[in-house]
Amino acid sequence: MTEDDDGAGEYTGPAEDGDDPGSPREELVRLYNEGETIENLAERFGLSYRKARTTLLAAGVTLRPPSIRLPPAPPGLVNAYLAGRSIRQLAEIHGMSYNQTRRILLAEGVVLRPRGRL
């Protein structure tokens, strides 16, 4: 085994089985297209993340952009914004970046005010 190998005992079927219906490769593609993540598929098929991703790309799958995982909204964040606090103020209060605070507010369904003071 070399340093570039993905690991001992790793299942390599999807890249080698071709496109036979019911093959592990086709199952990998089908599950990904149904919304499974590469991480979950890699674990399910006993592959490294890299091998699962490479297999999907070799099968011609267009990969989804990675999702940005946000922490849960801190208690009172949305209400404080709706009461007039700025995103910058909230970011400082909660120890987060401006962008992270803004993304959390948007994920919570808040309609943001226009920039600047009126």
PDB file of N, CA and C in Angstrom:
ATOM      1  N   MET A   1       0.851  -1.175   0.000  1.00  0.00           N
ATOM      2  CA  MET A   1       0.000   0.000   0.000  1.00  0.00           C
ATOM      3  C   MET A   1       0.892   1.232   0.000  1.00  0.00           C
ATOM      4  N   THR A   2       0.493   2.257  -0.756  1.00  0.00           N
ATOM      5  CA  THR A   2       1.263   3.494  -0.799  1.00  0.00           C
ATOM      6  C   THR A   2       0.539   4.561  -0.009  1.00  0.00           C
ATOM      7  N   GLU A   3       1.194   5.703   0.148  1.00  0.00           N
ATOM      8  CA  GLU A   3       0.581   6.808   0.875  1.00  0.00           C
ATOM      9  C   GLU A   3      -0.652   7.346   0.171  1.00  0.00           C
ATOM     10  N   ASP A   4      -0.756   7.137  -1.155  1.00  0.00           N
ATOM     11  CA  ASP A   4      -1.879   7.670  -1.923  1.00  0.00           C
ATOM     12  C   ASP A   4      -3.093   6.759  -1.903  1.00  0.00           C
ATOM     13  N   ASP A   5      -2.958   5.533  -1.370  1.00  0.00           N
ATOM     14  CA  ASP A   5      -4.100   4.627  -1.323  1.00  0.00           C
ATOM     15  C   ASP A   5      -5.160   5.188  -0.404  1.00  0.00           C
ATOM     16  N   ASP A   6      -6.435   4.845  -0.715  1.00  0.00           N
ATOM     17  CA  ASP A   6      -7.543   5.342   0.091  1.00  0.00           C
ATOM     18  C   ASP A   6      -7.743   4.554   1.364  1.00  0.00           C
ATOM     19  N   GLY A   7      -7.127   3.401   1.496  1.00  0.00           N
ATOM     20  CA  GLY A   7      -7.266   2.648   2.732  1.00  0.00           C
ATOM     21  C   GLY A   7      -7.367   1.170   2.467  1.00  0.00           C
ATOM     22  N   ALA A   8      -6.963   0.376   3.424  1.00  0.00           N
ATOM     23  CA  ALA A   8      -7.012  -1.075   3.289  1.00  0.00           C
ATOM     24  C   ALA A   8      -8.438  -1.564   3.417  1.00  0.00           C
ATOM     25  N   GLY A   9      -8.776  -2.564   2.624  1.00  0.00           N
ATOM     26  CA  GLY A   9     -10.073  -3.190   2.715  1.00  0.00           C
ATOM     27  C   GLY A   9     -11.209  -2.315   2.218  1.00  0.00           C
ATOM     28  N   GLU A  10     -10.906  -1.247   1.532  1.00  0.00           N
ATOM     29  CA  GLU A  10     -11.935  -0.354   1.053  1.00  0.00           C
ATOM     30  C   GLU A  10     -12.625  -0.952  -0.165  1.00  0.00           C
ATOM     31  N   TYR A  11     -13.925  -0.818  -0.214  1.00  0.00           N
ATOM     32  CA  TYR A  11     -14.707  -1.329  -1.337  1.00  0.00           C
ATOM     33  C   TYR A  11     -14.447  -0.472  -2.557  1.00  0.00           C
ATOM     34  N   THR A  12     -14.018  -1.076  -3.664  1.00  0.00           N
ATOM     35  CA  THR A  12     -13.716  -0.307  -4.870  1.00  0.00           C
ATOM     36  C   THR A  12     -14.693  -0.602  -5.998  1.00  0.00           C
ATOM     37  N   GLY A  13     -15.735  -1.308  -5.723  1.00  0.00           N
ATOM     38  CA  GLY A  13     -16.701  -1.724  -6.731  1.00  0.00           C
ATOM     39  C   GLY A  13     -17.296  -0.632  -7.585  1.00  0.00           C
ATOM     40  N   PRO A  14     -17.792   0.473  -7.029  1.00  0.00           N
ATOM     41  CA  PRO A  14     -18.467   1.437  -7.856  1.00  0.00           C
ATOM     42  C   PRO A  14     -17.661   1.945  -9.036  1.00  0.00           C
ATOM     43  N   ALA A  15     -16.364   2.110  -8.892  1.00  0.00           N
ATOM     44  CA  ALA A  15     -15.555   2.621  -9.992  1.00  0.00           C
ATOM     45  C   ALA A  15     -15.257   1.536 -11.018  1.00  0.00           C
ATOM     46  N   GLU A  16     -15.412   0.260 -10.648  1.00  0.00           N
ATOM     47  CA  GLU A  16     -15.021  -0.819 -11.546  1.00  0.00           C
ATOM     48  C   GLU A  16     -16.196  -1.571 -12.160  1.00  0.00           C
ATOM     49  N   ASP A  17     -17.382  -1.426 -11.609  1.00  0.00           N
ATOM     50  CA  ASP A  17     -18.496  -2.244 -12.040  1.00  0.00           C
ATOM     51  C   ASP A  17     -19.196  -1.749 -13.293  1.00  0.00           C
ATOM     52  N   GLY A  18     -18.886  -0.550 -13.747  1.00  0.00           N
ATOM     53  CA  GLY A  18     -19.544  -0.048 -14.930  1.00  0.00           C
ATOM     54  C   GLY A  18     -20.933   0.455 -14.619  1.00  0.00           C
ATOM     55  N   ASP A  19     -21.789   0.466 -15.649  1.00  0.00           N
ATOM     56  CA  ASP A  19     -23.111   1.056 -15.504  1.00  0.00           C
ATOM     57  C   ASP A  19     -24.219   0.020 -15.533  1.00  0.00           C
ATOM     58  N   ASP A  20     -23.955  -1.217 -15.094  1.00  0.00           N
ATOM     59  CA  ASP A  20     -24.995  -2.228 -15.058  1.00  0.00           C
ATOM     60  C   ASP A  20     -26.078  -1.802 -14.080  1.00  0.00           C
ATOM     61  N   PRO A  21     -27.358  -1.955 -14.487  1.00  0.00           N
ATOM     62  CA  PRO A  21     -28.428  -1.620 -13.547  1.00  0.00           C
ATOM     63  C   PRO A  21     -28.258  -2.428 -12.263  1.00  0.00           C
ATOM     64  N   GLY A  22     -28.370  -1.763 -11.140  1.00  0.00           N
ATOM     65  CA  GLY A  22     -28.232  -2.430  -9.858  1.00  0.00           C
ATOM     66  C   GLY A  22     -26.800  -2.534  -9.375  1.00  0.00           C
ATOM     67  N   SER A  23     -25.848  -2.074 -10.171  1.00  0.00           N
ATOM     68  CA  SER A  23     -24.451  -2.134  -9.746  1.00  0.00           C
ATOM     69  C   SER A  23     -24.230  -1.135  -8.622  1.00  0.00           C
ATOM     70  N   PRO A  24     -23.198  -1.350  -7.813  1.00  0.00           N
ATOM     71  CA  PRO A  24     -22.917  -0.399  -6.733  1.00  0.00           C
ATOM     72  C   PRO A  24     -22.714   1.024  -7.247  1.00  0.00           C
ATOM     73  N   ARG A  25     -22.089   1.166  -8.399  1.00  0.00           N
ATOM     74  CA  ARG A  25     -21.872   2.503  -8.963  1.00  0.00           C
ATOM     75  C   ARG A  25     -23.201   3.177  -9.279  1.00  0.00           C
ATOM     76  N   GLU A  26     -24.108   2.436  -9.908  1.00  0.00           N
ATOM     77  CA  GLU A  26     -25.418   2.991 -10.230  1.00  0.00           C
ATOM     78  C   GLU A  26     -26.208   3.313  -8.961  1.00  0.00           C
ATOM     79  N   GLU A  27     -26.071   2.476  -7.948  1.00  0.00           N
ATOM     80  CA  GLU A  27     -26.744   2.714  -6.678  1.00  0.00           C
ATOM     81  C   GLU A  27     -26.193   3.987  -6.023  1.00  0.00           C
ATOM     82  N   LEU A  28     -24.889   4.175  -6.095  1.00  0.00           N
ATOM     83  CA  LEU A  28     -24.249   5.371  -5.563  1.00  0.00           C
ATOM     84  C   LEU A  28     -24.795   6.614  -6.265  1.00  0.00           C
ATOM     85  N   VAL A  29     -24.860   6.558  -7.590  1.00  0.00           N
ATOM     86  CA  VAL A  29     -25.358   7.684  -8.385  1.00  0.00           C
ATOM     87  C   VAL A  29     -26.830   7.950  -8.065  1.00  0.00           C
ATOM     88  N   ARG A  30     -27.628   6.892  -8.005  1.00  0.00           N
ATOM     89  CA  ARG A  30     -29.062   7.039  -7.742  1.00  0.00           C
ATOM     90  C   ARG A  30     -29.291   7.697  -6.380  1.00  0.00           C
ATOM     91  N   LEU A  31     -28.604   7.202  -5.367  1.00  0.00           N
ATOM     92  CA  LEU A  31     -28.784   7.744  -4.024  1.00  0.00           C
ATOM     93  C   LEU A  31     -28.329   9.204  -3.931  1.00  0.00           C
ATOM     94  N   TYR A  32     -27.221   9.521  -4.605  1.00  0.00           N
ATOM     95  CA  TYR A  32     -26.750  10.909  -4.594  1.00  0.00           C
ATOM     96  C   TYR A  32     -27.780  11.811  -5.264  1.00  0.00           C
ATOM     97  N   ASN A  33     -28.310  11.367  -6.403  1.00  0.00           N
ATOM     98  CA  ASN A  33     -29.302  12.161  -7.125  1.00  0.00           C
ATOM     99  C   ASN A  33     -30.611  12.297  -6.348  1.00  0.00           C
ATOM    100  N   GLU A  34     -30.847  11.400  -5.411  1.00  0.00           N
ATOM    101  CA  GLU A  34     -32.040  11.478  -4.563  1.00  0.00           C
ATOM    102  C   GLU A  34     -31.805  12.363  -3.340  1.00  0.00           C
ATOM    103  N   GLY A  35     -30.579  12.896  -3.179  1.00  0.00           N
ATOM    104  CA  GLY A  35     -30.321  13.844  -2.110  1.00  0.00           C
ATOM    105  C   GLY A  35     -29.337  13.399  -1.043  1.00  0.00           C
ATOM    106  N   GLU A  36     -28.841  12.167  -1.109  1.00  0.00           N
ATOM    107  CA  GLU A  36     -27.850  11.719  -0.118  1.00  0.00           C
ATOM    108  C   GLU A  36     -26.573  12.544  -0.261  1.00  0.00           C
ATOM    109  N   THR A  37     -25.867  12.708   0.833  1.00  0.00           N
ATOM    110  CA  THR A  37     -24.603  13.437   0.799  1.00  0.00           C
ATOM    111  C   THR A  37     -23.467  12.479   0.446  1.00  0.00           C
ATOM    112  N   ILE A  38     -22.388  13.032  -0.042  1.00  0.00           N
ATOM    113  CA  ILE A  38     -21.215  12.217  -0.361  1.00  0.00           C
ATOM    114  C   ILE A  38     -20.686  11.567   0.914  1.00  0.00           C
ATOM    115  N   GLU A  39     -20.706  12.295   2.027  1.00  0.00           N
ATOM    116  CA  GLU A  39     -20.229  11.749   3.296  1.00  0.00           C
ATOM    117  C   GLU A  39     -21.012  10.496   3.683  1.00  0.00           C
ATOM    118  N   ASN A  40     -22.344  10.572   3.591  1.00  0.00           N
ATOM    119  CA  ASN A  40     -23.178   9.422   3.940  1.00  0.00           C
ATOM    120  C   ASN A  40     -22.956   8.258   2.987  1.00  0.00           C
ATOM    121  N   LEU A  41     -22.823   8.553   1.700  1.00  0.00           N
ATOM    122  CA  LEU A  41     -22.597   7.493   0.713  1.00  0.00           C
ATOM    123  C   LEU A  41     -21.254   6.819   0.930  1.00  0.00           C
ATOM    124  N   ALA A  42     -20.235   7.603   1.232  1.00  0.00           N
ATOM    125  CA  ALA A  42     -18.905   7.037   1.466  1.00  0.00           C
ATOM    126  C   ALA A  42     -18.960   6.055   2.632  1.00  0.00           C
ATOM    127  N   GLU A  43     -19.626   6.456   3.696  1.00  0.00           N
ATOM    128  CA  GLU A  43     -19.744   5.579   4.863  1.00  0.00           C
ATOM    129  C   GLU A  43     -20.549   4.325   4.527  1.00  0.00           C
ATOM    130  N   ARG A  44     -21.648   4.499   3.826  1.00  0.00           N
ATOM    131  CA  ARG A  44     -22.533   3.378   3.472  1.00  0.00           C
ATOM    132  C   ARG A  44     -21.835   2.346   2.581  1.00  0.00           C
ATOM    133  N   PHE A  45     -21.020   2.821   1.621  1.00  0.00           N
ATOM    134  CA  PHE A  45     -20.356   1.926   0.679  1.00  0.00           C
ATOM    135  C   PHE A  45     -18.936   1.557   1.103  1.00  0.00           C
ATOM    136  N   GLY A  46     -18.498   2.032   2.255  1.00  0.00           N
ATOM    137  CA  GLY A  46     -17.162   1.709   2.736  1.00  0.00           C
ATOM    138  C   GLY A  46     -16.067   2.353   1.911  1.00  0.00           C
ATOM    139  N   LEU A  47     -16.331   3.572   1.448  1.00  0.00           N
ATOM    140  CA  LEU A  47     -15.375   4.304   0.618  1.00  0.00           C
ATOM    141  C   LEU A  47     -14.844   5.510   1.381  1.00  0.00           C
ATOM    142  N   SER A  48     -13.736   6.026   0.907  1.00  0.00           N
ATOM    143  CA  SER A  48     -13.294   7.311   1.420  1.00  0.00           C
ATOM    144  C   SER A  48     -14.159   8.373   0.743  1.00  0.00           C
ATOM    145  N   TYR A  49     -14.201   9.553   1.330  1.00  0.00           N
ATOM    146  CA  TYR A  49     -14.946  10.658   0.719  1.00  0.00           C
ATOM    147  C   TYR A  49     -14.426  10.898  -0.698  1.00  0.00           C
ATOM    148  N   ARG A  50     -13.106  10.909  -0.828  1.00  0.00           N
ATOM    149  CA  ARG A  50     -12.477  11.179  -2.124  1.00  0.00           C
ATOM    150  C   ARG A  50     -12.886  10.149  -3.176  1.00  0.00           C
ATOM    151  N   LYS A  51     -12.893   8.858  -2.801  1.00  0.00           N
ATOM    152  CA  LYS A  51     -13.250   7.795  -3.740  1.00  0.00           C
ATOM    153  C   LYS A  51     -14.718   7.907  -4.153  1.00  0.00           C
ATOM    154  N   ALA A  52     -15.605   8.203  -3.210  1.00  0.00           N
ATOM    155  CA  ALA A  52     -17.024   8.350  -3.539  1.00  0.00           C
ATOM    156  C   ALA A  52     -17.226   9.539  -4.483  1.00  0.00           C
ATOM    157  N   ARG A  53     -16.558  10.634  -4.202  1.00  0.00           N
ATOM    158  CA  ARG A  53     -16.671  11.824  -5.043  1.00  0.00           C
ATOM    159  C   ARG A  53     -16.133  11.559  -6.449  1.00  0.00           C
ATOM    160  N   THR A  54     -14.980  10.927  -6.520  1.00  0.00           N
ATOM    161  CA  THR A  54     -14.375  10.602  -7.814  1.00  0.00           C
ATOM    162  C   THR A  54     -15.272   9.669  -8.624  1.00  0.00           C
ATOM    163  N   THR A  55     -15.886   8.705  -7.970  1.00  0.00           N
ATOM    164  CA  THR A  55     -16.783   7.774  -8.635  1.00  0.00           C
ATOM    165  C   THR A  55     -17.990   8.508  -9.209  1.00  0.00           C
ATOM    166  N   LEU A  56     -18.553   9.417  -8.447  1.00  0.00           N
ATOM    167  CA  LEU A  56     -19.693  10.198  -8.936  1.00  0.00           C
ATOM    168  C   LEU A  56     -19.298  11.058 -10.131  1.00  0.00           C
ATOM    169  N   LEU A  57     -18.152  11.701 -10.046  1.00  0.00           N
ATOM    170  CA  LEU A  57     -17.682  12.522 -11.167  1.00  0.00           C
ATOM    171  C   LEU A  57     -17.424  11.683 -12.412  1.00  0.00           C
ATOM    172  N   ALA A  58     -16.831  10.491 -12.227  1.00  0.00           N
ATOM    173  CA  ALA A  58     -16.557   9.599 -13.364  1.00  0.00           C
ATOM    174  C   ALA A  58     -17.848   9.116 -14.013  1.00  0.00           C
ATOM    175  N   ALA A  59     -18.927   9.059 -13.234  1.00  0.00           N
ATOM    176  CA  ALA A  59     -20.226   8.635 -13.757  1.00  0.00           C
ATOM    177  C   ALA A  59     -20.964   9.793 -14.428  1.00  0.00           C
ATOM    178  N   GLY A  60     -20.354  10.975 -14.449  1.00  0.00           N
ATOM    179  CA  GLY A  60     -20.956  12.127 -15.110  1.00  0.00           C
ATOM    180  C   GLY A  60     -21.942  12.899 -14.262  1.00  0.00           C
ATOM    181  N   VAL A  61     -21.923  12.682 -12.962  1.00  0.00           N
ATOM    182  CA  VAL A  61     -22.842  13.373 -12.060  1.00  0.00           C
ATOM    183  C   VAL A  61     -22.348  14.801 -11.835  1.00  0.00           C
ATOM    184  N   THR A  62     -23.267  15.765 -11.892  1.00  0.00           N
ATOM    185  CA  THR A  62     -22.953  17.139 -11.537  1.00  0.00           C
ATOM    186  C   THR A  62     -23.164  17.271 -10.042  1.00  0.00           C
ATOM    187  N   LEU A  63     -22.099  17.586  -9.323  1.00  0.00           N
ATOM    188  CA  LEU A  63     -22.169  17.647  -7.868  1.00  0.00           C
ATOM    189  C   LEU A  63     -22.870  18.918  -7.402  1.00  0.00           C
ATOM    190  N   ARG A  64     -23.626  18.782  -6.325  1.00  0.00           N
ATOM    191  CA  ARG A  64     -24.289  19.927  -5.712  1.00  0.00           C
ATOM    192  C   ARG A  64     -23.240  20.759  -4.986  1.00  0.00           C
ATOM    193  N   PRO A  65     -23.474  22.073  -4.871  1.00  0.00           N
ATOM    194  CA  PRO A  65     -22.530  22.873  -4.089  1.00  0.00           C
ATOM    195  C   PRO A  65     -22.620  22.466  -2.621  1.00  0.00           C
ATOM    196  N   PRO A  66     -21.517  22.552  -1.894  1.00  0.00           N
ATOM    197  CA  PRO A  66     -21.572  22.176  -0.481  1.00  0.00           C
ATOM    198  C   PRO A  66     -22.489  23.120   0.284  1.00  0.00           C
ATOM    199  N   SER A  67     -23.222  22.555   1.220  1.00  0.00           N
ATOM    200  CA  SER A  67     -24.101  23.398   2.024  1.00  0.00           C
ATOM    201  C   SER A  67     -23.295  23.988   3.179  1.00  0.00           C
ATOM    202  N   ILE A  68     -23.655  25.192   3.533  1.00  0.00           N
ATOM    203  CA  ILE A  68     -22.988  25.848   4.652  1.00  0.00           C
ATOM    204  C   ILE A  68     -23.810  25.540   5.889  1.00  0.00           C
ATOM    205  N   ARG A  69     -23.206  24.844   6.800  1.00  0.00           N
ATOM    206  CA  ARG A  69     -23.908  24.491   8.024  1.00  0.00           C
ATOM    207  C   ARG A  69     -23.835  25.660   8.997  1.00  0.00           C
ATOM    208  N   LEU A  70     -25.001  26.061   9.437  1.00  0.00           N
ATOM    209  CA  LEU A  70     -25.072  27.180  10.368  1.00  0.00           C
ATOM    210  C   LEU A  70     -25.390  26.676  11.762  1.00  0.00           C
ATOM    211  N   PRO A  71     -24.860  27.362  12.755  1.00  0.00           N
ATOM    212  CA  PRO A  71     -25.240  27.002  14.118  1.00  0.00           C
ATOM    213  C   PRO A  71     -26.690  27.421  14.342  1.00  0.00           C
ATOM    214  N   PRO A  72     -27.338  26.876  15.346  1.00  0.00           N
ATOM    215  CA  PRO A  72     -28.702  27.319  15.624  1.00  0.00           C
ATOM    216  C   PRO A  72     -28.710  28.801  15.995  1.00  0.00           C
ATOM    217  N   ALA A  73     -29.818  29.450  15.707  1.00  0.00           N
ATOM    218  CA  ALA A  73     -29.930  30.874  16.035  1.00  0.00           C
ATOM    219  C   ALA A  73     -29.875  31.053  17.545  1.00  0.00           C
ATOM    220  N   PRO A  74     -28.993  31.928  18.019  1.00  0.00           N
ATOM    221  CA  PRO A  74     -28.947  32.188  19.452  1.00  0.00           C
ATOM    222  C   PRO A  74     -30.304  32.721  19.933  1.00  0.00           C
ATOM    223  N   PRO A  75     -30.699  32.385  21.140  1.00  0.00           N
ATOM    224  CA  PRO A  75     -31.978  32.872  21.660  1.00  0.00           C
ATOM    225  C   PRO A  75     -32.048  34.400  21.609  1.00  0.00           C
ATOM    226  N   GLY A  76     -33.146  34.900  21.095  1.00  0.00           N
ATOM    227  CA  GLY A  76     -33.368  36.340  21.051  1.00  0.00           C
ATOM    228  C   GLY A  76     -32.780  37.047  19.850  1.00  0.00           C
ATOM    229  N   LEU A  77     -32.011  36.355  19.009  1.00  0.00           N
ATOM    230  CA  LEU A  77     -31.361  36.997  17.868  1.00  0.00           C
ATOM    231  C   LEU A  77     -32.391  37.602  16.921  1.00  0.00           C
ATOM    232  N   VAL A  78     -33.350  36.809  16.510  1.00  0.00           N
ATOM    233  CA  VAL A  78     -34.353  37.279  15.547  1.00  0.00           C
ATOM    234  C   VAL A  78     -35.165  38.420  16.147  1.00  0.00           C
ATOM    235  N   ASN A  79     -35.625  38.246  17.371  1.00  0.00           N
ATOM    236  CA  ASN A  79     -36.433  39.301  18.009  1.00  0.00           C
ATOM    237  C   ASN A  79     -35.641  40.593  18.172  1.00  0.00           C
ATOM    238  N   ALA A  80     -34.360  40.485  18.504  1.00  0.00           N
ATOM    239  CA  ALA A  80     -33.533  41.681  18.658  1.00  0.00           C
ATOM    240  C   ALA A  80     -33.378  42.404  17.321  1.00  0.00           C
ATOM    241  N   TYR A  81     -33.225  41.647  16.237  1.00  0.00           N
ATOM    242  CA  TYR A  81     -33.111  42.271  14.909  1.00  0.00           C
ATOM    243  C   TYR A  81     -34.432  42.954  14.551  1.00  0.00           C
ATOM    244  N   LEU A  82     -35.530  42.255  14.782  1.00  0.00           N
ATOM    245  CA  LEU A  82     -36.843  42.813  14.451  1.00  0.00           C
ATOM    246  C   LEU A  82     -37.167  44.039  15.311  1.00  0.00           C
ATOM    247  N   ALA A  83     -36.562  44.113  16.504  1.00  0.00           N
ATOM    248  CA  ALA A  83     -36.772  45.252  17.393  1.00  0.00           C
ATOM    249  C   ALA A  83     -35.881  46.443  17.030  1.00  0.00           C
ATOM    250  N   GLY A  84     -34.990  46.269  16.049  1.00  0.00           N
ATOM    251  CA  GLY A  84     -34.202  47.402  15.585  1.00  0.00           C
ATOM    252  C   GLY A  84     -32.697  47.285  15.686  1.00  0.00           C
ATOM    253  N   ARG A  85     -32.185  46.243  16.325  1.00  0.00           N
ATOM    254  CA  ARG A  85     -30.725  46.088  16.401  1.00  0.00           C
ATOM    255  C   ARG A  85     -30.172  45.814  15.000  1.00  0.00           C
ATOM    256  N   SER A  86     -28.945  46.246  14.770  1.00  0.00           N
ATOM    257  CA  SER A  86     -28.312  45.999  13.470  1.00  0.00           C
ATOM    258  C   SER A  86     -27.649  44.622  13.464  1.00  0.00           C
ATOM    259  N   ILE A  87     -27.357  44.147  12.280  1.00  0.00           N
ATOM    260  CA  ILE A  87     -26.658  42.866  12.148  1.00  0.00           C
ATOM    261  C   ILE A  87     -25.282  42.965  12.804  1.00  0.00           C
ATOM    262  N   ARG A  88     -24.613  44.090  12.634  1.00  0.00           N
ATOM    263  CA  ARG A  88     -23.286  44.274  13.237  1.00  0.00           C
ATOM    264  C   ARG A  88     -23.368  44.232  14.764  1.00  0.00           C
ATOM    265  N   GLN A  89     -24.369  44.874  15.326  1.00  0.00           N
ATOM    266  CA  GLN A  89     -24.539  44.849  16.778  1.00  0.00           C
ATOM    267  C   GLN A  89     -24.783  43.422  17.263  1.00  0.00           C
ATOM    268  N   LEU A  90     -25.645  42.711  16.570  1.00  0.00           N
ATOM    269  CA  LEU A  90     -25.963  41.339  16.964  1.00  0.00           C
ATOM    270  C   LEU A  90     -24.753  40.422  16.834  1.00  0.00           C
ATOM    271  N   ALA A  91     -23.973  40.625  15.783  1.00  0.00           N
ATOM    272  CA  ALA A  91     -22.769  39.816  15.588  1.00  0.00           C
ATOM    273  C   ALA A  91     -21.814  40.016  16.764  1.00  0.00           C
ATOM    274  N   GLU A  92     -21.653  41.251  17.178  1.00  0.00           N
ATOM    275  CA  GLU A  92     -20.750  41.549  18.300  1.00  0.00           C
ATOM    276  C   GLU A  92     -21.291  40.964  19.606  1.00  0.00           C
ATOM    277  N   ILE A  93     -22.574  41.132  19.844  1.00  0.00           N
ATOM    278  CA  ILE A  93     -23.197  40.629  21.075  1.00  0.00           C
ATOM    279  C   ILE A  93     -23.050  39.111  21.192  1.00  0.00           C
ATOM    280  N   HIS A  94     -23.249  38.417  20.070  1.00  0.00           N
ATOM    281  CA  HIS A  94     -23.261  36.949  20.087  1.00  0.00           C
ATOM    282  C   HIS A  94     -21.922  36.321  19.698  1.00  0.00           C
ATOM    283  N   GLY A  95     -20.900  37.152  19.470  1.00  0.00           N
ATOM    284  CA  GLY A  95     -19.569  36.630  19.159  1.00  0.00           C
ATOM    285  C   GLY A  95     -19.485  35.911  17.825  1.00  0.00           C
ATOM    286  N   MET A  96     -20.196  36.437  16.843  1.00  0.00           N
ATOM    287  CA  MET A  96     -20.183  35.829  15.511  1.00  0.00           C
ATOM    288  C   MET A  96     -19.734  36.872  14.496  1.00  0.00           C
ATOM    289  N   SER A  97     -19.448  36.420  13.290  1.00  0.00           N
ATOM    290  CA  SER A  97     -19.113  37.358  12.225  1.00  0.00           C
ATOM    291  C   SER A  97     -20.395  37.980  11.674  1.00  0.00           C
ATOM    292  N   TYR A  98     -20.232  39.086  10.985  1.00  0.00           N
ATOM    293  CA  TYR A  98     -21.365  39.752  10.339  1.00  0.00           C
ATOM    294  C   TYR A  98     -22.044  38.781   9.375  1.00  0.00           C
ATOM    295  N   ASN A  99     -21.235  38.130   8.518  1.00  0.00           N
ATOM    296  CA  ASN A  99     -21.806  37.240   7.497  1.00  0.00           C
ATOM    297  C   ASN A  99     -22.552  36.062   8.118  1.00  0.00           C
ATOM    298  N   GLN A 100     -21.994  35.480   9.149  1.00  0.00           N
ATOM    299  CA  GLN A 100     -22.658  34.349   9.796  1.00  0.00           C
ATOM    300  C   GLN A 100     -23.985  34.797  10.414  1.00  0.00           C
ATOM    301  N   THR A 101     -23.984  35.941  11.058  1.00  0.00           N
ATOM    302  CA  THR A 101     -25.207  36.468  11.668  1.00  0.00           C
ATOM    303  C   THR A 101     -26.255  36.738  10.594  1.00  0.00           C
ATOM    304  N   ARG A 102     -25.833  37.319   9.502  1.00  0.00           N
ATOM    305  CA  ARG A 102     -26.752  37.614   8.398  1.00  0.00           C
ATOM    306  C   ARG A 102     -27.342  36.325   7.825  1.00  0.00           C
ATOM    307  N   ARG A 103     -26.492  35.303   7.611  1.00  0.00           N
ATOM    308  CA  ARG A 103     -26.975  34.028   7.062  1.00  0.00           C
ATOM    309  C   ARG A 103     -27.969  33.362   8.007  1.00  0.00           C
ATOM    310  N   ILE A 104     -27.717  33.448   9.309  1.00  0.00           N
ATOM    311  CA  ILE A 104     -28.645  32.857  10.286  1.00  0.00           C
ATOM    312  C   ILE A 104     -29.994  33.565  10.216  1.00  0.00           C
ATOM    313  N   LEU A 105     -29.975  34.888  10.163  1.00  0.00           N
ATOM    314  CA  LEU A 105     -31.228  35.635  10.061  1.00  0.00           C
ATOM    315  C   LEU A 105     -31.997  35.243   8.799  1.00  0.00           C
ATOM    316  N   LEU A 106     -31.300  35.146   7.687  1.00  0.00           N
ATOM    317  CA  LEU A 106     -31.959  34.752   6.437  1.00  0.00           C
ATOM    318  C   LEU A 106     -32.508  33.331   6.521  1.00  0.00           C
ATOM    319  N   ALA A 107     -31.742  32.425   7.140  1.00  0.00           N
ATOM    320  CA  ALA A 107     -32.194  31.038   7.291  1.00  0.00           C
ATOM    321  C   ALA A 107     -33.427  30.953   8.184  1.00  0.00           C
ATOM    322  N   GLU A 108     -33.567  31.892   9.097  1.00  0.00           N
ATOM    323  CA  GLU A 108     -34.731  31.936   9.987  1.00  0.00           C
ATOM    324  C   GLU A 108     -35.937  32.594   9.312  1.00  0.00           C
ATOM    325  N   GLY A 109     -35.753  33.058   8.074  1.00  0.00           N
ATOM    326  CA  GLY A 109     -36.862  33.645   7.329  1.00  0.00           C
ATOM    327  C   GLY A 109     -37.073  35.126   7.545  1.00  0.00           C
ATOM    328  N   VAL A 110     -36.096  35.796   8.134  1.00  0.00           N
ATOM    329  CA  VAL A 110     -36.213  37.226   8.401  1.00  0.00           C
ATOM    330  C   VAL A 110     -35.996  37.999   7.090  1.00  0.00           C
ATOM    331  N   VAL A 111     -36.864  38.983   6.854  1.00  0.00           N
ATOM    332  CA  VAL A 111     -36.673  39.903   5.717  1.00  0.00           C
ATOM    333  C   VAL A 111     -35.799  41.028   6.231  1.00  0.00           C
ATOM    334  N   LEU A 112     -34.630  41.161   5.635  1.00  0.00           N
ATOM    335  CA  LEU A 112     -33.661  42.151   6.119  1.00  0.00           C
ATOM    336  C   LEU A 112     -34.053  43.565   5.705  1.00  0.00           C
ATOM    337  N   ARG A 113     -33.736  44.506   6.576  1.00  0.00           N
ATOM    338  CA  ARG A 113     -33.979  45.918   6.292  1.00  0.00           C
ATOM    339  C   ARG A 113     -32.967  46.392   5.248  1.00  0.00           C
ATOM    340  N   PRO A 114     -33.286  47.485   4.551  1.00  0.00           N
ATOM    341  CA  PRO A 114     -32.287  48.044   3.622  1.00  0.00           C
ATOM    342  C   PRO A 114     -31.072  48.523   4.389  1.00  0.00           C
ATOM    343  N   ARG A 115     -29.932  48.558   3.734  1.00  0.00           N
ATOM    344  CA  ARG A 115     -28.696  49.005   4.378  1.00  0.00           C
ATOM    345  C   ARG A 115     -28.739  50.488   4.655  1.00  0.00           C
ATOM    346  N   GLY A 116     -28.042  50.893   5.692  1.00  0.00           N
ATOM    347  CA  GLY A 116     -27.934  52.314   6.034  1.00  0.00           C
ATOM    348  C   GLY A 116     -29.128  52.813   6.815  1.00  0.00           C
ATOM    349  N   ARG A 117     -29.013  54.041   7.262  1.00  0.00           N
ATOM    350  CA  ARG A 117     -30.103  54.636   8.058  1.00  0.00           C
ATOM    351  C   ARG A 117     -30.987  55.480   7.158  1.00  0.00           C
ATOM    352  N   LEU A 118     -32.241  55.487   7.493  1.00  0.00           N
ATOM    353  CA  LEU A 118     -33.207  56.298   6.719  1.00  0.00           C
ATOM    354  C   LEU A 118     -33.613  57.528   7.489  1.00  0.00           C
TER     355      LEU A 118
END
